[in-house]
């Protein structure tokens, strides 16, 4: 049988070796050098447009330009204002109208001042063959202030001239991939 007195020196040696070999100097001053760089993807605005959306509700007349506005309240949050580094916007249209549209997407300040515009043409499609138009807009650290100053996004669609019948639908989806450094 083992006696406690005979095992005690061996246990002390193992304990001393274990404690001294596993300890590494820790410099707590390096805690300030730690940075986290998360990316968050968020849906911004999604809608579908039909021919009836181009009829003025009060006059019943056809209008060739329609718009929708969404408030992006999260852009005013402290962590966005302090830590947002860059953003990549993704805009996607699926068009079955046999006509092209002009898309103008504006980011506005609280006072409705334009901070940033994104303009492009939406390709014509057909009911059996929708045209997919995608546009990526990257805002880097050198221009990120235009997004930090924004609180609204306005999407304006203008039907471009043409002789084709005005039947179909237009679907829109937008996302933002927001990159931070904390």
C-alpha atoms as a PDB file:
ATOM      1  CA  UNK A   1       0.000   0.000   0.000  1.00  0.00           C
ATOM      2  CA  UNK A   2       1.004   3.553  -0.636  1.00  0.00           C
ATOM      3  CA  UNK A   3       1.448   5.874   2.244  1.00  0.00           C
ATOM      4  CA  UNK A   4       0.654   9.551   1.966  1.00  0.00           C
ATOM      5  CA  UNK A   5       4.143  10.476   3.198  1.00  0.00           C
ATOM      6  CA  UNK A   6       5.859   8.526   0.397  1.00  0.00           C
ATOM      7  CA  UNK A   7       3.634  10.050  -2.355  1.00  0.00           C
ATOM      8  CA  UNK A   8       3.858  13.632  -1.090  1.00  0.00           C
ATOM      9  CA  UNK A   9       7.273  14.499  -2.658  1.00  0.00           C
ATOM     10  CA  UNK A  10       6.208  13.103  -6.047  1.00  0.00           C
ATOM     11  CA  UNK A  11       2.905  15.013  -5.948  1.00  0.00           C
ATOM     12  CA  UNK A  12       4.708  18.248  -5.039  1.00  0.00           C
ATOM     13  CA  UNK A  13       7.145  17.783  -7.934  1.00  0.00           C
ATOM     14  CA  UNK A  14       4.277  17.204 -10.402  1.00  0.00           C
ATOM     15  CA  UNK A  15       2.410  20.246  -9.046  1.00  0.00           C
ATOM     16  CA  UNK A  16       5.461  22.543  -9.317  1.00  0.00           C
ATOM     17  CA  UNK A  17       6.258  21.344 -12.853  1.00  0.00           C
ATOM     18  CA  UNK A  18       2.612  21.713 -13.940  1.00  0.00           C
ATOM     19  CA  UNK A  19       2.207  25.229 -12.579  1.00  0.00           C
ATOM     20  CA  UNK A  20       5.544  26.557 -13.802  1.00  0.00           C
ATOM     21  CA  UNK A  21       5.402  25.037 -17.278  1.00  0.00           C
ATOM     22  CA  UNK A  22       1.849  26.152 -18.159  1.00  0.00           C
ATOM     23  CA  UNK A  23       2.101  29.778 -17.161  1.00  0.00           C
ATOM     24  CA  UNK A  24       2.920  32.324 -19.799  1.00  0.00           C
ATOM     25  CA  UNK A  25       3.408  36.004 -19.182  1.00  0.00           C
ATOM     26  CA  UNK A  26       0.242  37.913 -20.049  1.00  0.00           C
ATOM     27  CA  UNK A  27       0.521  41.544 -21.073  1.00  0.00           C
ATOM     28  CA  UNK A  28      -2.842  43.074 -20.194  1.00  0.00           C
ATOM     29  CA  UNK A  29      -1.829  46.322 -21.927  1.00  0.00           C
ATOM     30  CA  UNK A  30      -2.420  44.523 -25.248  1.00  0.00           C
ATOM     31  CA  UNK A  31      -6.168  44.392 -24.586  1.00  0.00           C
ATOM     32  CA  UNK A  32      -6.495  47.758 -26.344  1.00  0.00           C
ATOM     33  CA  UNK A  33      -5.036  46.230 -29.527  1.00  0.00           C
ATOM     34  CA  UNK A  34      -7.935  43.785 -29.926  1.00  0.00           C
ATOM     35  CA  UNK A  35     -10.371  44.658 -32.693  1.00  0.00           C
ATOM     36  CA  UNK A  36     -13.496  42.877 -33.860  1.00  0.00           C
ATOM     37  CA  UNK A  37     -14.599  43.227 -37.492  1.00  0.00           C
ATOM     38  CA  UNK A  38     -18.127  41.835 -37.812  1.00  0.00           C
ATOM     39  CA  UNK A  39     -20.252  42.082 -40.955  1.00  0.00           C
ATOM     40  CA  UNK A  40     -24.028  42.352 -40.773  1.00  0.00           C
ATOM     41  CA  UNK A  41     -26.374  41.888 -43.722  1.00  0.00           C
ATOM     42  CA  UNK A  42     -29.771  43.603 -43.598  1.00  0.00           C
ATOM     43  CA  UNK A  43     -32.721  43.796 -45.972  1.00  0.00           C
ATOM     44  CA  UNK A  44     -33.473  47.445 -46.744  1.00  0.00           C
ATOM     45  CA  UNK A  45     -36.528  47.644 -49.011  1.00  0.00           C
ATOM     46  CA  UNK A  46     -38.538  45.056 -50.929  1.00  0.00           C
ATOM     47  CA  UNK A  47     -41.528  45.782 -53.170  1.00  0.00           C
ATOM     48  CA  UNK A  48     -43.501  44.680 -56.230  1.00  0.00           C
ATOM     49  CA  UNK A  49     -44.872  47.064 -58.872  1.00  0.00           C
ATOM     50  CA  UNK A  50     -47.847  46.424 -61.164  1.00  0.00           C
ATOM     51  CA  UNK A  51     -49.369  48.592 -63.931  1.00  0.00           C
ATOM     52  CA  UNK A  52     -52.014  49.953 -61.519  1.00  0.00           C
ATOM     53  CA  UNK A  53     -49.210  51.510 -59.418  1.00  0.00           C
ATOM     54  CA  UNK A  54     -48.599  53.962 -62.274  1.00  0.00           C
ATOM     55  CA  UNK A  55     -52.142  55.365 -62.055  1.00  0.00           C
ATOM     56  CA  UNK A  56     -52.492  58.542 -59.967  1.00  0.00           C
ATOM     57  CA  UNK A  57     -54.975  57.840 -57.161  1.00  0.00           C
ATOM     58  CA  UNK A  58     -56.575  61.290 -57.211  1.00  0.00           C
ATOM     59  CA  UNK A  59     -56.721  62.063 -60.951  1.00  0.00           C
ATOM     60  CA  UNK A  60     -56.828  58.555 -62.434  1.00  0.00           C
ATOM     61  CA  UNK A  61     -54.158  59.648 -64.923  1.00  0.00           C
ATOM     62  CA  UNK A  62     -51.132  57.592 -65.915  1.00  0.00           C
ATOM     63  CA  UNK A  63     -47.843  58.787 -64.409  1.00  0.00           C
ATOM     64  CA  UNK A  64     -44.512  57.579 -65.703  1.00  0.00           C
ATOM     65  CA  UNK A  65     -42.594  58.081 -62.419  1.00  0.00           C
ATOM     66  CA  UNK A  66     -43.274  56.469 -59.050  1.00  0.00           C
ATOM     67  CA  UNK A  67     -41.250  56.498 -55.842  1.00  0.00           C
ATOM     68  CA  UNK A  68     -41.060  54.832 -52.459  1.00  0.00           C
ATOM     69  CA  UNK A  69     -39.243  56.039 -49.364  1.00  0.00           C
ATOM     70  CA  UNK A  70     -38.037  54.051 -46.379  1.00  0.00           C
ATOM     71  CA  UNK A  71     -36.472  55.386 -43.198  1.00  0.00           C
ATOM     72  CA  UNK A  72     -33.280  53.585 -42.244  1.00  0.00           C
ATOM     73  CA  UNK A  73     -33.482  54.398 -38.531  1.00  0.00           C
ATOM     74  CA  UNK A  74     -30.613  52.079 -37.647  1.00  0.00           C
ATOM     75  CA  UNK A  75     -28.175  54.390 -39.486  1.00  0.00           C
ATOM     76  CA  UNK A  76     -28.603  56.862 -36.621  1.00  0.00           C
ATOM     77  CA  UNK A  77     -27.523  54.358 -33.937  1.00  0.00           C
ATOM     78  CA  UNK A  78     -24.362  55.143 -31.976  1.00  0.00           C
ATOM     79  CA  UNK A  79     -22.461  52.032 -33.067  1.00  0.00           C
ATOM     80  CA  UNK A  80     -23.152  52.841 -36.742  1.00  0.00           C
ATOM     81  CA  UNK A  81     -22.020  56.422 -36.337  1.00  0.00           C
ATOM     82  CA  UNK A  82     -18.869  55.404 -34.477  1.00  0.00           C
ATOM     83  CA  UNK A  83     -17.794  52.039 -35.915  1.00  0.00           C
ATOM     84  CA  UNK A  84     -19.157  51.642 -39.473  1.00  0.00           C
ATOM     85  CA  UNK A  85     -16.201  51.160 -41.837  1.00  0.00           C
ATOM     86  CA  UNK A  86     -17.783  50.276 -45.187  1.00  0.00           C
ATOM     87  CA  UNK A  87     -21.013  49.095 -46.764  1.00  0.00           C
ATOM     88  CA  UNK A  88     -21.902  47.134 -49.875  1.00  0.00           C
ATOM     89  CA  UNK A  89     -25.410  47.724 -51.208  1.00  0.00           C
ATOM     90  CA  UNK A  90     -27.049  45.156 -53.455  1.00  0.00           C
ATOM     91  CA  UNK A  91     -30.023  46.191 -55.607  1.00  0.00           C
ATOM     92  CA  UNK A  92     -31.933  43.596 -57.644  1.00  0.00           C
ATOM     93  CA  UNK A  93     -34.838  44.020 -60.047  1.00  0.00           C
ATOM     94  CA  UNK A  94     -36.818  41.285 -61.783  1.00  0.00           C
ATOM     95  CA  UNK A  95     -38.757  42.867 -64.661  1.00  0.00           C
ATOM     96  CA  UNK A  96     -41.452  41.207 -66.797  1.00  0.00           C
ATOM     97  CA  UNK A  97     -42.578  44.511 -68.355  1.00  0.00           C
ATOM     98  CA  UNK A  98     -41.470  44.713 -72.005  1.00  0.00           C
ATOM     99  CA  UNK A  99     -40.150  48.199 -71.227  1.00  0.00           C
ATOM    100  CA  UNK A 100     -37.001  49.596 -69.645  1.00  0.00           C
ATOM    101  CA  UNK A 101     -37.050  51.679 -66.486  1.00  0.00           C
ATOM    102  CA  UNK A 102     -34.631  54.180 -65.044  1.00  0.00           C
ATOM    103  CA  UNK A 103     -33.846  53.474 -61.393  1.00  0.00           C
ATOM    104  CA  UNK A 104     -32.642  56.286 -59.165  1.00  0.00           C
ATOM    105  CA  UNK A 105     -31.843  55.362 -55.573  1.00  0.00           C
ATOM    106  CA  UNK A 106     -31.025  58.269 -53.280  1.00  0.00           C
ATOM    107  CA  UNK A 107     -29.791  58.315 -49.712  1.00  0.00           C
ATOM    108  CA  UNK A 108     -31.067  61.418 -47.928  1.00  0.00           C
ATOM    109  CA  UNK A 109     -30.246  63.217 -44.701  1.00  0.00           C
ATOM    110  CA  UNK A 110     -32.920  64.131 -42.157  1.00  0.00           C
ATOM    111  CA  UNK A 111     -33.283  67.466 -44.015  1.00  0.00           C
ATOM    112  CA  UNK A 112     -33.862  65.613 -47.329  1.00  0.00           C
ATOM    113  CA  UNK A 113     -30.470  66.587 -48.713  1.00  0.00           C
ATOM    114  CA  UNK A 114     -29.061  64.023 -51.122  1.00  0.00           C
ATOM    115  CA  UNK A 115     -25.980  62.339 -49.666  1.00  0.00           C
ATOM    116  CA  UNK A 116     -25.493  59.650 -52.311  1.00  0.00           C
ATOM    117  CA  UNK A 117     -27.165  58.599 -55.596  1.00  0.00           C
ATOM    118  CA  UNK A 118     -27.170  55.299 -57.444  1.00  0.00           C
ATOM    119  CA  UNK A 119     -28.545  55.470 -61.013  1.00  0.00           C
ATOM    120  CA  UNK A 120     -28.903  52.644 -63.526  1.00  0.00           C
ATOM    121  CA  UNK A 121     -31.211  51.250 -66.222  1.00  0.00           C
ATOM    122  CA  UNK A 122     -33.490  48.266 -65.555  1.00  0.00           C
ATOM    123  CA  UNK A 123     -33.571  45.988 -68.592  1.00  0.00           C
ATOM    124  CA  UNK A 124     -36.851  45.117 -70.327  1.00  0.00           C
ATOM    125  CA  UNK A 125     -38.184  41.602 -69.911  1.00  0.00           C
ATOM    126  CA  UNK A 126     -41.237  39.570 -70.835  1.00  0.00           C
ATOM    127  CA  UNK A 127     -43.831  37.558 -68.876  1.00  0.00           C
ATOM    128  CA  UNK A 128     -42.114  34.257 -69.664  1.00  0.00           C
ATOM    129  CA  UNK A 129     -38.586  35.613 -69.416  1.00  0.00           C
ATOM    130  CA  UNK A 130     -38.023  38.189 -66.676  1.00  0.00           C
ATOM    131  CA  UNK A 131     -34.952  40.392 -67.041  1.00  0.00           C
ATOM    132  CA  UNK A 132     -32.782  40.383 -63.928  1.00  0.00           C
ATOM    133  CA  UNK A 133     -30.875  43.599 -63.337  1.00  0.00           C
ATOM    134  CA  UNK A 134     -28.449  43.681 -60.420  1.00  0.00           C
ATOM    135  CA  UNK A 135     -26.291  46.533 -59.238  1.00  0.00           C
ATOM    136  CA  UNK A 136     -23.680  46.480 -56.456  1.00  0.00           C
ATOM    137  CA  UNK A 137     -22.629  49.779 -54.880  1.00  0.00           C
ATOM    138  CA  UNK A 138     -19.583  49.747 -52.588  1.00  0.00           C
ATOM    139  CA  UNK A 139     -18.976  52.620 -50.180  1.00  0.00           C
ATOM    140  CA  UNK A 140     -15.504  52.412 -48.653  1.00  0.00           C
ATOM    141  CA  UNK A 141     -14.055  54.054 -45.583  1.00  0.00           C
ATOM    142  CA  UNK A 142     -13.043  57.110 -47.620  1.00  0.00           C
ATOM    143  CA  UNK A 143     -16.730  57.913 -48.394  1.00  0.00           C
ATOM    144  CA  UNK A 144     -18.584  56.245 -45.503  1.00  0.00           C
ATOM    145  CA  UNK A 145     -19.661  59.618 -44.068  1.00  0.00           C
ATOM    146  CA  UNK A 146     -22.283  59.952 -46.841  1.00  0.00           C
ATOM    147  CA  UNK A 147     -24.021  56.882 -45.417  1.00  0.00           C
ATOM    148  CA  UNK A 148     -23.580  57.954 -41.801  1.00  0.00           C
ATOM    149  CA  UNK A 149     -25.316  61.252 -42.672  1.00  0.00           C
ATOM    150  CA  UNK A 150     -28.234  59.409 -44.311  1.00  0.00           C
ATOM    151  CA  UNK A 151     -31.484  58.379 -42.673  1.00  0.00           C
ATOM    152  CA  UNK A 152     -33.753  57.759 -45.702  1.00  0.00           C
ATOM    153  CA  UNK A 153     -33.545  55.765 -48.906  1.00  0.00           C
ATOM    154  CA  UNK A 154     -35.729  56.830 -51.849  1.00  0.00           C
ATOM    155  CA  UNK A 155     -36.268  54.549 -54.835  1.00  0.00           C
ATOM    156  CA  UNK A 156     -37.593  56.347 -57.908  1.00  0.00           C
ATOM    157  CA  UNK A 157     -38.657  54.451 -61.029  1.00  0.00           C
ATOM    158  CA  UNK A 158     -39.233  56.160 -64.348  1.00  0.00           C
ATOM    159  CA  UNK A 159     -40.830  54.269 -67.214  1.00  0.00           C
ATOM    160  CA  UNK A 160     -38.746  54.939 -70.311  1.00  0.00           C
ATOM    161  CA  UNK A 161     -40.460  55.709 -73.654  1.00  0.00           C
ATOM    162  CA  UNK A 162     -41.522  52.803 -75.822  1.00  0.00           C
ATOM    163  CA  UNK A 163     -44.354  51.412 -77.928  1.00  0.00           C
ATOM    164  CA  UNK A 164     -44.678  48.043 -76.201  1.00  0.00           C
ATOM    165  CA  UNK A 165     -47.781  47.137 -74.232  1.00  0.00           C
ATOM    166  CA  UNK A 166     -47.540  48.080 -70.577  1.00  0.00           C
ATOM    167  CA  UNK A 167     -48.237  44.752 -68.859  1.00  0.00           C
ATOM    168  CA  UNK A 168     -46.083  42.871 -66.383  1.00  0.00           C
ATOM    169  CA  UNK A 169     -44.619  43.325 -62.944  1.00  0.00           C
ATOM    170  CA  UNK A 170     -41.403  44.565 -61.428  1.00  0.00           C
ATOM    171  CA  UNK A 171     -39.930  43.159 -58.213  1.00  0.00           C
ATOM    172  CA  UNK A 172     -37.285  44.985 -56.211  1.00  0.00           C
ATOM    173  CA  UNK A 173     -35.087  43.771 -53.367  1.00  0.00           C
ATOM    174  CA  UNK A 174     -32.251  45.625 -51.678  1.00  0.00           C
ATOM    175  CA  UNK A 175     -29.735  44.616 -49.045  1.00  0.00           C
ATOM    176  CA  UNK A 176     -26.826  46.165 -47.263  1.00  0.00           C
ATOM    177  CA  UNK A 177     -23.716  44.369 -46.032  1.00  0.00           C
ATOM    178  CA  UNK A 178     -22.401  46.585 -43.230  1.00  0.00           C
ATOM    179  CA  UNK A 179     -18.794  46.139 -42.049  1.00  0.00           C
ATOM    180  CA  UNK A 180     -17.709  47.394 -38.642  1.00  0.00           C
ATOM    181  CA  UNK A 181     -14.536  47.666 -36.621  1.00  0.00           C
ATOM    182  CA  UNK A 182     -14.986  47.638 -32.850  1.00  0.00           C
END
